[in-house]
Amino acid sequence: MNEITTFLGLGSYKDWDEDKKVKFLLSELESKRPLLPRTRKYTEEARECLNTFKIISEMPRSSLGNYVISVSVLLLQKGANVKDLL
């Protein structure tokens, strides 16, 4: 998430307090614009994370079971076009 907020010119996500993180995440979940530019070059760690969500977006919901997840994971799912958010 830090790489995304830094790229968007919003500062360092890891330095934000919890209230600012929640406001950002909820705002982005409501946003109509794509979270991530497809042409951006990401670090290896970020690519691995984003590729995981890309794979999730291609799987049937029933194959993933039930998970307790954070709002940031919901946002990454949205960014990867996961149709049925976990």
N, C-alpha and C. Protein backbone atom coordinates (compact mmCIF):
# COMPACT_ATOMS: atom_id res chain seq x y z
N MET A 1 0.83 -1.18 0.00
CA MET A 1 0.00 0.00 0.00
C MET A 1 0.88 1.25 0.00
N ASN A 2 2.02 1.16 0.67
CA ASN A 2 2.93 2.31 0.73
C ASN A 2 3.41 2.71 -0.66
N GLU A 3 3.71 1.73 -1.49
CA GLU A 3 4.17 2.03 -2.85
C GLU A 3 3.08 2.74 -3.64
N ILE A 4 1.85 2.36 -3.44
CA ILE A 4 0.73 2.98 -4.16
C ILE A 4 0.53 4.43 -3.71
N THR A 5 0.48 4.66 -2.39
CA THR A 5 0.25 6.03 -1.92
C THR A 5 1.41 6.95 -2.27
N THR A 6 2.61 6.43 -2.26
CA THR A 6 3.77 7.23 -2.65
C THR A 6 3.68 7.58 -4.13
N PHE A 7 3.35 6.61 -4.97
CA PHE A 7 3.21 6.86 -6.40
C PHE A 7 2.13 7.91 -6.68
N LEU A 8 1.03 7.85 -5.94
CA LEU A 8 -0.07 8.79 -6.14
C LEU A 8 0.24 10.18 -5.58
N GLY A 9 1.40 10.33 -4.94
CA GLY A 9 1.80 11.62 -4.40
C GLY A 9 1.11 11.97 -3.09
N LEU A 10 0.65 10.93 -2.38
CA LEU A 10 -0.09 11.14 -1.14
C LEU A 10 0.76 10.98 0.11
N GLY A 11 2.01 10.63 -0.07
CA GLY A 11 2.89 10.41 1.08
C GLY A 11 3.03 8.94 1.40
N SER A 12 3.66 8.68 2.51
CA SER A 12 4.00 7.32 2.92
C SER A 12 2.89 6.71 3.78
N TYR A 13 2.22 5.71 3.24
CA TYR A 13 1.15 5.02 3.96
C TYR A 13 1.63 4.50 5.30
N LYS A 14 2.84 4.00 5.35
CA LYS A 14 3.35 3.42 6.60
C LYS A 14 3.56 4.47 7.69
N ASP A 15 3.62 5.74 7.31
CA ASP A 15 3.78 6.81 8.30
C ASP A 15 2.45 7.39 8.77
N TRP A 16 1.35 7.01 8.12
CA TRP A 16 0.04 7.56 8.47
C TRP A 16 -0.48 6.95 9.76
N ASP A 17 -1.31 7.71 10.48
CA ASP A 17 -1.99 7.14 11.64
C ASP A 17 -3.18 6.29 11.14
N GLU A 18 -3.74 5.52 12.02
CA GLU A 18 -4.80 4.57 11.64
C GLU A 18 -6.01 5.27 11.04
N ASP A 19 -6.37 6.42 11.56
CA ASP A 19 -7.54 7.16 11.06
C ASP A 19 -7.33 7.57 9.60
N LYS A 20 -6.15 8.07 9.28
CA LYS A 20 -5.87 8.49 7.90
C LYS A 20 -5.86 7.28 6.97
N LYS A 21 -5.32 6.16 7.42
CA LYS A 21 -5.32 4.95 6.60
C LYS A 21 -6.74 4.50 6.29
N VAL A 22 -7.59 4.46 7.30
CA VAL A 22 -8.97 4.02 7.12
C VAL A 22 -9.70 4.96 6.16
N LYS A 23 -9.54 6.26 6.35
CA LYS A 23 -10.20 7.23 5.46
C LYS A 23 -9.76 7.03 4.00
N PHE A 24 -8.46 6.85 3.81
CA PHE A 24 -7.94 6.62 2.46
C PHE A 24 -8.52 5.34 1.86
N LEU A 25 -8.47 4.25 2.61
CA LEU A 25 -8.94 2.96 2.10
C LEU A 25 -10.42 3.00 1.75
N LEU A 26 -11.23 3.56 2.62
CA LEU A 26 -12.67 3.64 2.35
C LEU A 26 -12.96 4.55 1.16
N SER A 27 -12.24 5.64 1.06
CA SER A 27 -12.41 6.55 -0.08
C SER A 27 -12.06 5.85 -1.39
N GLU A 28 -10.98 5.11 -1.39
CA GLU A 28 -10.56 4.41 -2.61
C GLU A 28 -11.53 3.29 -2.98
N LEU A 29 -12.10 2.62 -1.98
CA LEU A 29 -13.09 1.59 -2.27
C LEU A 29 -14.32 2.18 -2.95
N GLU A 30 -14.67 3.41 -2.61
CA GLU A 30 -15.82 4.09 -3.21
C GLU A 30 -15.50 4.72 -4.56
N SER A 31 -14.23 4.93 -4.83
CA SER A 31 -13.81 5.63 -6.05
C SER A 31 -14.12 4.83 -7.31
N LYS A 32 -14.45 5.54 -8.37
CA LYS A 32 -14.73 4.92 -9.67
C LYS A 32 -13.46 4.74 -10.50
N ARG A 33 -12.41 5.48 -10.18
CA ARG A 33 -11.18 5.39 -10.97
C ARG A 33 -10.38 4.14 -10.59
N PRO A 34 -9.60 3.63 -11.52
CA PRO A 34 -8.73 2.49 -11.18
C PRO A 34 -7.72 2.87 -10.11
N LEU A 35 -7.44 1.97 -9.22
CA LEU A 35 -6.47 2.22 -8.16
C LEU A 35 -5.06 2.31 -8.71
N LEU A 36 -4.74 1.43 -9.65
CA LEU A 36 -3.37 1.28 -10.12
C LEU A 36 -3.25 1.51 -11.61
N PRO A 37 -2.30 2.32 -12.03
CA PRO A 37 -2.04 2.43 -13.47
C PRO A 37 -1.40 1.12 -13.97
N ARG A 38 -1.92 0.56 -15.03
CA ARG A 38 -1.44 -0.73 -15.54
C ARG A 38 -0.01 -0.66 -16.09
N THR A 39 0.41 0.53 -16.51
CA THR A 39 1.73 0.66 -17.13
C THR A 39 2.84 0.96 -16.14
N ARG A 40 2.50 1.16 -14.88
CA ARG A 40 3.51 1.50 -13.87
C ARG A 40 4.44 0.34 -13.62
N LYS A 41 5.70 0.64 -13.41
CA LYS A 41 6.70 -0.37 -13.03
C LYS A 41 6.71 -0.47 -11.52
N TYR A 42 6.46 -1.66 -10.98
CA TYR A 42 6.40 -1.88 -9.54
C TYR A 42 7.62 -2.64 -9.06
N THR A 43 7.91 -2.54 -7.77
CA THR A 43 8.99 -3.32 -7.19
C THR A 43 8.61 -4.79 -7.25
N GLU A 44 9.59 -5.65 -7.11
CA GLU A 44 9.33 -7.09 -7.15
C GLU A 44 8.32 -7.50 -6.08
N GLU A 45 8.46 -6.95 -4.88
CA GLU A 45 7.54 -7.27 -3.78
C GLU A 45 6.11 -6.84 -4.12
N ALA A 46 5.95 -5.65 -4.66
CA ALA A 46 4.61 -5.16 -5.03
C ALA A 46 4.04 -5.99 -6.18
N ARG A 47 4.86 -6.32 -7.17
CA ARG A 47 4.40 -7.15 -8.30
C ARG A 47 3.90 -8.50 -7.81
N GLU A 48 4.62 -9.10 -6.88
CA GLU A 48 4.21 -10.40 -6.35
C GLU A 48 2.85 -10.29 -5.66
N CYS A 49 2.67 -9.26 -4.87
CA CYS A 49 1.40 -9.03 -4.18
C CYS A 49 0.28 -8.81 -5.19
N LEU A 50 0.51 -7.92 -6.16
CA LEU A 50 -0.52 -7.61 -7.15
C LEU A 50 -0.84 -8.81 -8.02
N ASN A 51 0.16 -9.61 -8.35
CA ASN A 51 -0.08 -10.83 -9.14
C ASN A 51 -0.95 -11.82 -8.37
N THR A 52 -0.78 -11.88 -7.06
CA THR A 52 -1.64 -12.74 -6.24
C THR A 52 -3.10 -12.34 -6.40
N PHE A 53 -3.37 -11.05 -6.37
CA PHE A 53 -4.75 -10.59 -6.51
C PHE A 53 -5.26 -10.77 -7.93
N LYS A 54 -4.37 -10.68 -8.91
CA LYS A 54 -4.76 -10.95 -10.30
C LYS A 54 -5.23 -12.39 -10.42
N ILE A 55 -4.49 -13.31 -9.80
CA ILE A 55 -4.88 -14.73 -9.83
C ILE A 55 -6.21 -14.93 -9.12
N ILE A 56 -6.39 -14.27 -7.98
CA ILE A 56 -7.66 -14.36 -7.25
C ILE A 56 -8.81 -13.89 -8.13
N SER A 57 -8.57 -12.84 -8.93
CA SER A 57 -9.64 -12.29 -9.78
C SER A 57 -10.09 -13.29 -10.84
N GLU A 58 -9.26 -14.28 -11.14
CA GLU A 58 -9.57 -15.26 -12.18
C GLU A 58 -10.16 -16.55 -11.61
N MET A 59 -10.21 -16.66 -10.29
CA MET A 59 -10.69 -17.88 -9.64
C MET A 59 -12.15 -17.75 -9.24
N PRO A 60 -12.88 -18.88 -9.24
CA PRO A 60 -14.26 -18.82 -8.73
C PRO A 60 -14.24 -18.53 -7.23
N ARG A 61 -15.18 -17.73 -6.79
CA ARG A 61 -15.26 -17.34 -5.37
C ARG A 61 -15.30 -18.56 -4.46
N SER A 62 -16.01 -19.59 -4.87
CA SER A 62 -16.18 -20.78 -4.03
C SER A 62 -14.86 -21.50 -3.74
N SER A 63 -13.85 -21.29 -4.56
CA SER A 63 -12.58 -21.99 -4.35
C SER A 63 -11.71 -21.32 -3.29
N LEU A 64 -12.12 -20.15 -2.82
CA LEU A 64 -11.27 -19.40 -1.89
C LEU A 64 -11.68 -19.52 -0.43
N GLY A 65 -12.84 -20.04 -0.14
CA GLY A 65 -13.27 -20.19 1.25
C GLY A 65 -13.57 -18.85 1.89
N ASN A 66 -13.67 -18.84 3.19
CA ASN A 66 -13.97 -17.63 3.95
C ASN A 66 -12.74 -17.16 4.70
N TYR A 67 -12.46 -15.87 4.59
CA TYR A 67 -11.29 -15.30 5.25
C TYR A 67 -11.68 -14.00 5.94
N VAL A 68 -11.02 -13.71 7.04
CA VAL A 68 -11.14 -12.41 7.67
C VAL A 68 -9.98 -11.59 7.10
N ILE A 69 -10.33 -10.47 6.46
CA ILE A 69 -9.30 -9.70 5.78
C ILE A 69 -9.41 -8.22 6.14
N SER A 70 -8.36 -7.49 5.87
CA SER A 70 -8.33 -6.07 6.17
C SER A 70 -8.93 -5.26 5.02
N VAL A 71 -9.23 -4.01 5.30
CA VAL A 71 -9.77 -3.13 4.27
C VAL A 71 -8.74 -2.92 3.16
N SER A 72 -7.46 -2.90 3.49
CA SER A 72 -6.43 -2.73 2.46
C SER A 72 -6.45 -3.90 1.48
N VAL A 73 -6.74 -5.10 1.97
CA VAL A 73 -6.85 -6.26 1.08
C VAL A 73 -8.07 -6.10 0.17
N LEU A 74 -9.16 -5.58 0.69
CA LEU A 74 -10.33 -5.30 -0.15
C LEU A 74 -9.97 -4.34 -1.28
N LEU A 75 -9.21 -3.32 -0.94
CA LEU A 75 -8.82 -2.34 -1.94
C LEU A 75 -7.93 -2.96 -3.01
N LEU A 76 -7.00 -3.80 -2.62
CA LEU A 76 -6.15 -4.47 -3.60
C LEU A 76 -6.96 -5.42 -4.47
N GLN A 77 -7.96 -6.06 -3.89
CA GLN A 77 -8.84 -6.91 -4.69
C GLN A 77 -9.58 -6.07 -5.73
N LYS A 78 -10.08 -4.92 -5.30
CA LYS A 78 -10.77 -4.03 -6.22
C LYS A 78 -9.83 -3.61 -7.35
N GLY A 79 -8.60 -3.28 -7.00
CA GLY A 79 -7.62 -2.88 -8.00
C GLY A 79 -7.30 -3.97 -9.00
N ALA A 80 -7.46 -5.22 -8.59
CA ALA A 80 -7.21 -6.36 -9.47
C ALA A 80 -8.48 -6.84 -10.17
N ASN A 81 -9.57 -6.10 -10.00
CA ASN A 81 -10.85 -6.45 -10.63
C ASN A 81 -11.43 -7.78 -10.16
N VAL A 82 -11.24 -8.09 -8.88
CA VAL A 82 -11.87 -9.27 -8.30
C VAL A 82 -13.38 -8.99 -8.26
N LYS A 83 -14.16 -9.84 -8.90
CA LYS A 83 -15.58 -9.58 -9.04
C LYS A 83 -16.34 -9.70 -7.73
N ASP A 84 -16.07 -10.74 -6.96
CA ASP A 84 -16.73 -10.97 -5.67
C ASP A 84 -15.69 -10.79 -4.58
N LEU A 85 -15.63 -9.61 -3.97
CA LEU A 85 -14.62 -9.36 -2.93
C LEU A 85 -14.80 -10.35 -1.79
N LEU A 86 -13.67 -10.85 -1.27
CA LEU A 86 -13.71 -11.82 -0.17
C LEU A 86 -14.22 -11.17 1.08
